[in-house]
Protein backbone atom coordinates (compact mmCIF):
# COMPACT_ATOMS: atom_id res chain seq x y z
CA MET A 1 89.99 -153.89 -334.51
CA GLN A 2 86.50 -155.08 -333.65
CA TYR A 3 85.56 -156.81 -330.44
CA CYS A 4 82.79 -158.74 -328.78
CA SER A 5 80.42 -157.57 -326.08
CA THR A 6 77.14 -158.98 -324.92
CA ILE A 7 75.31 -156.07 -326.52
CA HIS A 8 77.17 -155.43 -329.77
CA CYS A 9 78.53 -158.73 -330.94
CA GLN A 10 81.07 -159.00 -333.72
CA PRO A 11 81.08 -162.79 -333.98
CA GLN A 12 84.24 -163.24 -336.03
CA GLN A 13 86.90 -161.60 -333.92
CA PHE A 14 87.57 -161.30 -330.21
CA ILE A 15 90.15 -159.27 -328.38
CA ASN A 16 92.43 -160.53 -325.72
CA PRO A 17 93.98 -157.31 -324.38
CA PHE A 18 97.21 -159.17 -323.74
CA ALA A 19 97.40 -161.34 -326.84
CA ARG A 20 96.53 -161.54 -330.50
CA CYS A 21 93.02 -161.44 -331.93
CA PHE A 22 91.55 -164.85 -332.70
CA ASP A 23 88.38 -166.65 -333.69
CA VAL A 24 86.32 -168.47 -331.09
CA VAL A 25 85.14 -171.82 -332.37
CA GLU A 26 83.81 -173.27 -329.18
CA TYR A 27 82.69 -171.74 -325.93
CA SER A 28 84.40 -173.34 -322.94
CA LEU A 29 81.97 -174.18 -320.17
CA ILE A 30 84.88 -175.17 -317.96
CA HIS A 31 86.44 -171.74 -318.33
CA HIS A 32 83.07 -170.08 -317.86
CA LYS A 33 82.32 -172.00 -314.67
CA ALA A 34 85.74 -171.40 -313.26
CA GLY A 35 85.65 -167.71 -314.04
CA LEU A 36 88.80 -168.03 -316.15
CA TYR A 37 87.72 -165.47 -318.74
CA THR A 38 89.01 -162.56 -316.65
CA ALA A 39 91.82 -160.07 -317.32
CA GLY A 40 94.73 -161.55 -319.24
CA LEU A 41 92.58 -164.25 -320.85
CA PRO A 42 90.38 -164.12 -323.94
CA TYR A 43 86.91 -162.69 -323.71
CA PHE A 44 84.40 -165.34 -324.68
CA CYS A 45 81.00 -164.72 -326.20
CA ALA A 46 78.53 -167.57 -326.16
CA LEU A 47 76.76 -166.14 -329.14
CA ALA A 48 79.82 -166.72 -331.29
CA HIS A 49 79.57 -170.50 -331.29
CA LYS A 50 77.84 -170.53 -334.67
CA LYS A 51 79.49 -167.30 -335.79
CA LYS A 52 76.11 -165.66 -336.22
CA SER A 53 75.22 -162.03 -335.83
CA CYS A 54 73.38 -161.04 -332.66
CA MET A 55 70.59 -159.96 -334.98
CA ASN A 56 69.77 -163.68 -335.47
CA ARG A 57 69.00 -164.14 -331.80
CA ILE A 58 65.62 -165.66 -330.91
CA TYR A 59 64.44 -163.96 -327.77
CA LEU A 60 61.96 -165.95 -325.67
CA ASP A 61 62.52 -164.41 -322.24
CA ASN A 62 59.99 -161.59 -322.35
CA ALA A 63 58.82 -162.27 -318.81
CA ALA A 64 62.28 -161.06 -317.74
CA THR A 65 62.23 -157.92 -319.86
CA THR A 66 60.93 -156.72 -323.20
CA ALA A 67 62.32 -154.64 -326.03
CA LEU A 68 61.60 -150.93 -325.85
CA ASP A 69 58.87 -149.99 -328.30
CA PRO A 70 60.08 -147.37 -330.82
CA GLN A 71 57.01 -145.25 -330.13
CA VAL A 72 57.87 -145.27 -326.44
CA LEU A 73 61.40 -144.13 -327.18
CA GLU A 74 59.99 -141.37 -329.38
CA ALA A 75 57.76 -140.18 -326.54
CA MET A 76 60.72 -140.22 -324.13
CA MET A 77 63.26 -138.44 -326.35
CA PRO A 78 62.19 -134.84 -325.68
CA TYR A 79 62.64 -135.48 -321.96
CA LEU A 80 66.08 -136.95 -322.57
CA THR A 81 67.17 -133.88 -324.51
CA GLU A 82 65.63 -130.44 -324.40
CA LYS A 83 62.91 -130.90 -321.74
CA PHE A 84 65.28 -131.68 -318.91
CA GLY A 85 63.94 -129.44 -316.13
CA ASN A 86 63.65 -130.75 -312.57
CA PRO A 87 59.94 -131.37 -311.90
CA SER A 88 60.31 -129.80 -308.45
CA SER A 89 61.58 -126.48 -309.85
CA ILE A 90 59.11 -123.61 -310.12
CA TYR A 91 60.37 -122.07 -313.38
CA SER A 92 59.05 -123.02 -316.83
CA TYR A 93 61.39 -125.93 -317.49
CA GLY A 94 60.38 -127.47 -314.19
CA ARG A 95 56.68 -126.83 -314.77
CA GLU A 96 56.88 -128.54 -318.17
CA SER A 97 58.38 -131.60 -316.54
CA ARG A 98 55.82 -131.58 -313.75
CA LEU A 99 53.01 -131.38 -316.29
CA ALA A 100 54.43 -134.37 -318.18
CA ILE A 101 54.48 -136.46 -315.00
CA GLU A 102 50.95 -135.53 -314.02
CA ASN A 103 49.66 -136.22 -317.52
CA ALA A 104 51.36 -139.63 -317.34
CA ARG A 105 49.75 -140.27 -313.95
CA LYS A 106 46.31 -139.41 -315.34
CA SER A 107 46.86 -141.69 -318.31
CA VAL A 108 47.95 -144.64 -316.15
CA ALA A 109 45.08 -144.09 -313.72
CA LYS A 110 42.51 -143.99 -316.52
CA ILE A 111 43.82 -147.21 -318.07
CA LEU A 112 43.85 -149.05 -314.73
CA GLY A 113 40.47 -147.71 -313.60
CA ALA A 114 41.94 -145.81 -310.67
CA HIS A 115 42.10 -142.22 -309.45
CA PRO A 116 45.26 -140.29 -310.33
CA ALA A 117 45.84 -139.70 -306.61
CA GLU A 118 46.13 -143.48 -306.15
CA ILE A 119 49.06 -143.87 -308.60
CA PHE A 120 52.65 -143.42 -307.41
CA PHE A 121 55.68 -143.85 -309.64
CA THR A 122 58.61 -145.89 -308.33
CA SER A 123 61.86 -147.38 -309.62
CA GLY A 124 60.10 -150.65 -310.45
CA GLY A 125 58.00 -153.50 -309.13
CA THR A 126 60.50 -154.49 -306.45
CA GLU A 127 60.48 -151.11 -304.76
CA ALA A 128 56.70 -150.93 -305.10
CA SER A 129 56.19 -154.31 -303.40
CA ASN A 130 58.71 -153.50 -300.68
CA THR A 131 56.86 -150.24 -299.99
CA ALA A 132 53.43 -151.84 -299.80
CA ILE A 133 54.42 -154.83 -297.67
CA THR A 134 56.49 -152.81 -295.21
CA ALA A 135 53.78 -150.17 -294.89
CA ALA A 136 51.11 -152.80 -294.25
CA VAL A 137 53.11 -154.05 -291.26
CA ARG A 138 54.48 -150.79 -289.88
CA ASP A 139 51.67 -148.37 -290.69
CA LEU A 140 48.50 -150.45 -291.02
CA GLY A 141 49.01 -152.76 -288.05
CA CYS A 142 49.34 -156.08 -289.85
CA THR A 143 51.17 -158.46 -287.54
CA HIS A 144 50.46 -161.64 -289.50
CA ILE A 145 51.57 -162.05 -293.14
CA ILE A 146 50.03 -164.72 -295.36
CA THR A 147 51.81 -165.46 -298.63
CA SER A 148 52.86 -168.42 -300.79
CA ALA A 149 56.12 -170.22 -301.45
CA ILE A 150 56.06 -169.31 -305.15
CA GLU A 151 56.01 -165.53 -304.85
CA HIS A 152 58.63 -163.37 -306.51
CA HIS A 153 61.66 -162.74 -304.30
CA ALA A 154 60.67 -159.07 -304.09
CA THR A 155 57.84 -160.35 -301.90
CA LEU A 156 59.42 -163.40 -300.29
CA HIS A 157 62.60 -161.70 -299.17
CA THR A 158 60.66 -158.74 -297.78
CA VAL A 159 58.23 -160.82 -295.71
CA GLU A 160 61.05 -163.07 -294.50
CA TYR A 161 63.00 -160.01 -293.38
CA LEU A 162 60.04 -158.58 -291.47
CA HIS A 163 59.42 -161.97 -289.89
CA LYS A 164 63.05 -162.34 -288.82
CA GLN A 165 62.92 -158.87 -287.31
CA GLY A 166 60.00 -160.00 -285.15
CA GLU A 167 57.58 -157.55 -286.77
CA ALA A 168 55.10 -160.10 -288.10
CA ALA A 169 54.17 -163.76 -287.97
CA LEU A 170 54.45 -165.54 -291.32
CA SER A 171 52.23 -168.25 -292.83
CA PHE A 172 52.36 -169.92 -296.22
CA VAL A 173 49.17 -170.91 -297.98
CA LYS A 174 49.12 -174.40 -299.47
CA LEU A 175 49.43 -174.93 -303.20
CA LEU A 176 47.33 -177.25 -305.33
CA PRO A 177 49.12 -179.79 -307.56
CA ASP A 178 48.81 -177.47 -310.57
CA GLY A 179 50.43 -174.59 -308.68
CA HIS A 180 47.27 -172.60 -307.94
CA ILE A 181 46.57 -171.24 -304.47
CA ASP A 182 44.46 -173.46 -302.20
CA MET A 183 41.63 -171.00 -301.52
CA GLU A 184 40.14 -173.15 -298.75
CA HIS A 185 43.42 -173.11 -296.87
CA LEU A 186 43.72 -169.35 -297.38
CA GLU A 187 40.34 -168.85 -295.77
CA GLN A 188 41.33 -171.17 -292.91
CA LEU A 189 44.45 -169.10 -292.24
CA LEU A 190 42.45 -165.89 -292.24
CA ALA A 191 39.70 -167.31 -290.04
CA GLN A 192 42.11 -168.75 -287.49
CA SER A 193 44.32 -165.69 -287.19
CA GLU A 194 43.81 -163.54 -284.12
CA ASP A 195 45.94 -160.78 -285.61
CA LYS A 196 45.35 -158.34 -288.43
CA CYS A 197 46.59 -159.99 -291.61
CA LEU A 198 48.38 -158.89 -294.72
CA VAL A 199 47.72 -161.20 -297.65
CA THR A 200 50.35 -160.81 -300.36
CA LEU A 201 49.80 -163.04 -303.39
CA MET A 202 50.89 -162.35 -306.94
CA HIS A 203 48.32 -161.94 -309.67
CA ALA A 204 50.33 -164.08 -312.08
CA ASN A 205 53.38 -166.16 -311.37
CA ASN A 206 56.39 -165.01 -313.36
CA GLU A 207 57.80 -168.53 -313.82
CA ILE A 208 54.85 -170.84 -314.44
CA GLY A 209 52.24 -168.27 -315.47
CA ASN A 210 49.45 -169.34 -313.09
CA MET A 211 46.95 -166.54 -312.46
CA LEU A 212 45.26 -165.79 -309.16
CA ASP A 213 41.57 -165.02 -308.89
CA ILE A 214 42.32 -161.57 -307.55
CA HIS A 215 38.65 -160.75 -306.97
CA ALA A 216 38.01 -163.90 -304.95
CA VAL A 217 41.06 -163.29 -302.75
CA GLY A 218 40.09 -159.66 -302.33
CA GLU A 219 36.60 -160.61 -301.17
CA LEU A 220 38.08 -163.02 -298.60
CA CYS A 221 40.32 -160.25 -297.34
CA LYS A 222 37.32 -157.92 -297.01
CA LEU A 223 35.42 -160.57 -295.10
CA TYR A 224 38.24 -161.01 -292.56
CA GLY A 225 39.44 -157.41 -292.42
CA ALA A 226 42.79 -158.18 -294.05
CA ILE A 227 44.99 -155.92 -296.16
CA PHE A 228 45.55 -157.28 -299.68
CA HIS A 229 48.69 -156.63 -301.75
CA SER A 230 49.11 -158.24 -305.14
CA ASP A 231 52.27 -158.26 -307.22
CA THR A 232 50.80 -157.52 -310.65
CA VAL A 233 54.09 -156.93 -312.45
CA GLN A 234 53.34 -159.69 -314.99
CA THR A 235 49.76 -158.56 -315.63
CA VAL A 236 49.83 -154.75 -315.74
CA GLY A 237 50.17 -154.00 -319.45
CA HIS A 238 49.04 -157.53 -320.34
CA PHE A 239 45.49 -157.66 -318.98
CA PRO A 240 42.74 -155.06 -318.48
CA PHE A 241 42.24 -153.71 -314.95
CA ASP A 242 39.32 -151.96 -313.27
CA LEU A 243 40.71 -151.07 -309.87
CA ARG A 244 37.61 -149.16 -308.79
CA ASN A 245 35.83 -152.51 -308.78
CA THR A 246 38.69 -154.69 -307.57
CA PRO A 247 38.98 -155.35 -303.81
CA VAL A 248 42.73 -154.76 -303.48
CA HIS A 249 44.74 -152.27 -301.41
CA PHE A 250 48.04 -152.34 -303.32
CA ILE A 251 49.16 -153.43 -306.78
CA THR A 252 52.48 -152.97 -308.57
CA GLY A 253 53.80 -152.61 -312.12
CA GLY A 254 57.12 -152.43 -313.97
CA GLY A 255 57.51 -150.60 -317.28
CA HIS A 256 59.99 -152.98 -318.87
CA LYS A 257 57.54 -155.90 -318.78
CA PHE A 258 55.37 -154.36 -321.53
CA HIS A 259 57.85 -152.71 -323.89
CA GLY A 260 58.50 -149.71 -321.71
CA PRO A 261 61.76 -148.54 -320.14
CA LYS A 262 63.61 -150.17 -317.28
CA GLY A 263 64.01 -148.41 -313.96
CA VAL A 264 60.42 -147.20 -313.64
CA GLY A 265 57.36 -148.76 -312.07
CA MET A 266 54.19 -147.88 -310.24
CA LEU A 267 52.45 -148.55 -306.99
CA TYR A 268 48.68 -148.30 -306.69
CA ILE A 269 47.57 -147.39 -303.18
CA ASN A 270 43.82 -147.50 -302.60
CA GLU A 271 42.54 -144.07 -301.62
CA ASN A 272 41.22 -145.44 -298.31
CA VAL A 273 44.72 -146.54 -297.25
CA LYS A 274 47.08 -144.07 -295.57
CA ILE A 275 50.74 -145.03 -295.26
CA GLN A 276 54.08 -143.39 -294.59
CA PRO A 277 56.80 -143.03 -297.26
CA TYR A 278 59.30 -145.82 -297.68
CA ILE A 279 62.06 -143.54 -298.98
CA HIS A 280 62.73 -140.26 -297.18
CA GLY A 281 64.46 -137.08 -298.25
CA GLY A 282 62.01 -135.04 -300.28
CA SER A 283 58.38 -134.27 -300.96
CA GLN A 284 58.10 -135.85 -304.40
CA GLU A 285 55.15 -138.03 -305.38
CA ARG A 286 52.89 -136.08 -303.04
CA ASN A 287 55.24 -136.76 -300.10
CA MET A 288 55.12 -140.50 -300.75
CA ARG A 289 58.47 -141.11 -302.46
CA ALA A 290 61.53 -138.89 -302.08
CA GLY A 291 63.97 -138.38 -304.91
CA THR A 292 64.04 -136.58 -308.23
CA GLU A 293 61.49 -138.22 -310.48
CA ASN A 294 62.54 -140.42 -313.39
CA LEU A 295 60.92 -138.02 -315.81
CA TYR A 296 61.58 -139.74 -319.12
CA GLY A 297 60.96 -143.15 -317.55
CA ILE A 298 57.55 -142.07 -316.27
CA VAL A 299 56.62 -140.66 -319.67
CA GLY A 300 57.76 -143.92 -321.25
CA PHE A 301 55.83 -146.03 -318.74
CA ALA A 302 52.59 -144.23 -319.54
CA LYS A 303 53.15 -144.43 -323.29
CA ALA A 304 53.98 -148.14 -323.16
CA LEU A 305 50.87 -148.86 -321.09
CA GLU A 306 48.77 -146.86 -323.53
CA LEU A 307 50.12 -148.85 -326.50
CA ALA A 308 49.74 -152.18 -324.69
CA THR A 309 46.13 -151.40 -323.83
CA ALA A 310 45.25 -150.24 -327.35
CA GLY A 311 46.62 -153.43 -328.89
CA TYR A 312 45.49 -155.83 -326.17
CA ASP A 313 42.82 -157.84 -327.99
CA GLU A 314 44.84 -158.50 -331.13
CA GLU A 315 48.23 -158.94 -329.47
CA SER A 316 47.07 -161.21 -326.65
CA ALA A 317 45.33 -163.51 -329.14
CA TYR A 318 48.43 -163.60 -331.32
CA ILE A 319 50.81 -164.32 -328.44
CA ASN A 320 48.54 -166.99 -326.98
CA ALA A 321 48.47 -168.70 -330.37
CA LEU A 322 52.28 -168.83 -330.30
CA LYS A 323 52.20 -170.39 -326.84
CA MET A 324 49.65 -173.02 -327.88
CA HIS A 325 51.63 -173.78 -331.03
CA MET A 326 54.80 -174.35 -329.03
CA MET A 327 52.99 -176.68 -326.64
CA GLU A 328 51.59 -178.67 -329.55
CA GLN A 329 54.92 -178.97 -331.35
CA LEU A 330 56.82 -179.92 -328.19
CA ARG A 331 54.31 -182.69 -327.49
CA LYS A 332 54.74 -184.00 -331.03
CA GLN A 333 58.50 -183.72 -331.37
CA VAL A 334 60.11 -184.03 -327.95
CA LYS A 335 59.57 -187.14 -325.84
CA GLY A 336 58.86 -186.85 -322.14
CA VAL A 337 57.99 -183.13 -321.99
CA HIS A 338 55.89 -181.90 -319.11
CA PHE A 339 54.27 -178.48 -318.74
CA ASN A 340 54.45 -176.90 -315.32
CA GLY A 341 51.56 -175.01 -313.80
CA ASP A 342 48.23 -174.65 -315.57
CA PRO A 343 49.21 -173.49 -319.08
CA THR A 344 45.86 -174.20 -320.75
CA GLY A 345 43.78 -172.95 -317.82
CA HIS A 346 43.88 -169.72 -315.83
CA SER A 347 47.33 -168.68 -316.91
CA LEU A 348 49.41 -165.96 -318.56
CA TYR A 349 49.28 -166.11 -322.33
CA THR A 350 52.90 -164.93 -322.34
CA VAL A 351 54.55 -167.73 -320.32
CA LEU A 352 55.17 -171.43 -320.92
CA ASN A 353 57.21 -173.45 -318.43
CA VAL A 354 58.47 -176.77 -319.76
CA SER A 355 60.16 -179.66 -317.98
CA PHE A 356 62.40 -181.95 -320.04
CA PRO A 357 63.69 -185.37 -319.02
CA LYS A 358 67.00 -184.99 -317.20
CA THR A 359 69.95 -186.28 -319.20
CA GLU A 360 73.57 -185.28 -319.61
CA LYS A 361 72.49 -183.14 -322.56
CA SER A 362 69.38 -181.59 -321.00
CA GLU A 363 71.24 -180.58 -317.83
CA MET A 364 73.07 -178.08 -320.04
CA ILE A 365 69.95 -177.04 -321.95
CA LEU A 366 70.05 -173.32 -321.14
CA PHE A 367 73.74 -173.14 -321.97
CA ASN A 368 73.20 -174.98 -325.25
CA LEU A 369 70.24 -172.78 -326.15
CA ASP A 370 72.38 -169.74 -325.44
CA ILE A 371 75.21 -170.77 -327.73
CA ASN A 372 72.59 -171.34 -330.41
CA ASN A 373 71.34 -167.78 -330.04
CA ILE A 374 68.14 -168.72 -328.19
CA CYS A 375 67.30 -166.77 -325.04
CA ALA A 376 65.22 -168.54 -322.41
CA SER A 377 65.29 -168.85 -318.65
CA GLY A 378 65.41 -171.46 -315.91
CA GLY A 379 63.49 -169.22 -313.52
CA SER A 380 63.32 -165.57 -312.56
CA ALA A 381 65.85 -163.38 -314.32
CA CYS A 382 66.24 -161.52 -311.05
CA THR A 383 68.30 -164.43 -309.79
CA SER A 384 70.06 -165.34 -313.00
CA GLY A 385 73.58 -166.68 -312.59
CA ALA A 386 72.71 -168.54 -309.39
CA ASP A 387 72.85 -172.33 -309.35
CA ALA A 388 70.16 -172.74 -306.74
CA GLY A 389 67.46 -173.44 -309.33
CA SER A 390 63.90 -172.24 -309.27
CA HIS A 391 62.14 -172.02 -305.92
CA VAL A 392 58.85 -172.06 -307.82
CA ILE A 393 59.54 -175.37 -309.55
CA ARG A 394 60.83 -176.88 -306.31
CA ALA A 395 57.57 -175.91 -304.61
CA ILE A 396 55.24 -177.47 -307.20
CA ASN A 397 57.23 -180.13 -309.03
CA ASN A 398 60.32 -181.15 -307.14
CA ASN A 399 61.23 -183.92 -309.56
CA PRO A 400 65.02 -184.42 -309.71
CA ASN A 401 64.65 -186.20 -313.05
CA GLN A 402 63.36 -183.13 -314.88
CA VAL A 403 64.92 -179.88 -316.06
CA ALA A 404 62.63 -176.84 -316.26
CA VAL A 405 62.89 -174.04 -318.82
CA ARG A 406 60.69 -170.95 -319.07
CA PHE A 407 59.83 -169.62 -322.51
CA SER A 408 58.02 -166.29 -322.56
CA PHE A 409 56.62 -164.55 -325.61
CA CYS A 410 55.77 -161.12 -326.95
CA LYS A 411 54.21 -159.52 -330.02
CA HIS A 412 57.57 -159.52 -331.84
CA ASN A 413 57.95 -163.30 -331.79
CA THR A 414 56.94 -165.38 -334.79
CA ARG A 415 55.66 -168.87 -335.52
CA GLU A 416 58.86 -169.48 -337.48
CA GLU A 417 60.93 -168.70 -334.39
CA ILE A 418 58.90 -171.14 -332.34
CA ASP A 419 59.43 -173.86 -334.94
CA ALA A 420 63.16 -173.17 -335.00
CA VAL A 421 63.40 -173.40 -331.21
CA VAL A 422 61.44 -176.66 -331.09
CA ALA A 423 63.67 -178.11 -333.80
CA LYS A 424 66.75 -177.12 -331.83
CA LEU A 425 65.30 -178.54 -328.61
CA LYS A 426 64.71 -181.82 -330.40
CA GLU A 427 68.45 -181.89 -331.16
CA LEU A 428 69.54 -180.88 -327.68
CA ILE A 429 67.37 -183.11 -325.49
């Protein structure tokens, strides 16, 4: 008997462990909302609504995560199988693993224009940002944090925690109508502060795509003696970096945002900054991060970054063309659409955030896209399943008569997929 799971979907038949096998013809939102698909009741799969194979899925949520590149998997496989030695061990197996990590570090450093000693591998962007922000307060003497209301929760929740603990004052820089940072207000906050400041502003917003002028912010921080951390999870692997000539103290990256593996990231710490480890218990990562290294993840991270960099010019142009095409077709075919942020200006080529007029149909837009095998997001995937909505959209466009959806693209998407999604949106709105 075959069954349905969210990963390997057999759309025709579903197993109720306490009843007979049956076909699902309609997904029940009521049951879903009420949590009634638990033990003793049928397992429902939204993808079965049209009885299509999961292979027909159109995936437009690449800002949440990306598919693992086959070449990355190939590079990782030896370290998942025969090259399994602990990098901290002194015998040959361990030395082979250590060498792989250090070669990965050199590769990442070269691509980002940094020194290998400035690159530290972590479990992902969230840990990296937590480390940098906490260290800036506890080790570097920053008692005033300046951030924005549209940061990723890895930043917002960390600064709010430190503020609640009484470790730092907290200020929010104003936003312009298009979602960009008000640079004049940022300078005012820095100039008026009597305390050492940490400025933490993301390089590119994960929901609306707006990009920060990281050099301009860095120069302001230099002028006022502030520490600068930038969440670059959406830009590492998607844009070229030259950190030797970028005035920033900390940046972060996550492998799964550019066709690398999940569970691995990096933290850049400028060589002039000295901080204490965030995680204790070992001397790994040159005493900066305790715990046995994610060997195959680190190898995969470096390989994915290498591939992303090599294909940057061609792939970025291709993906941006998909984004522009979707904007054009939505304007032509769907009445009342609005694009959040600054999609045709200084923005990610991978992200398009669209607001649709609020109707009974559009309120269920993500659900209806899902049952039609289209993957998109209403905000950050890190908070998926919550009904609170997007804090980013609330901050820049708090219009109760609109419903926002984020579409995010990668090199695997096609113009035909975009056309199919627009056609479906025309039906659903």
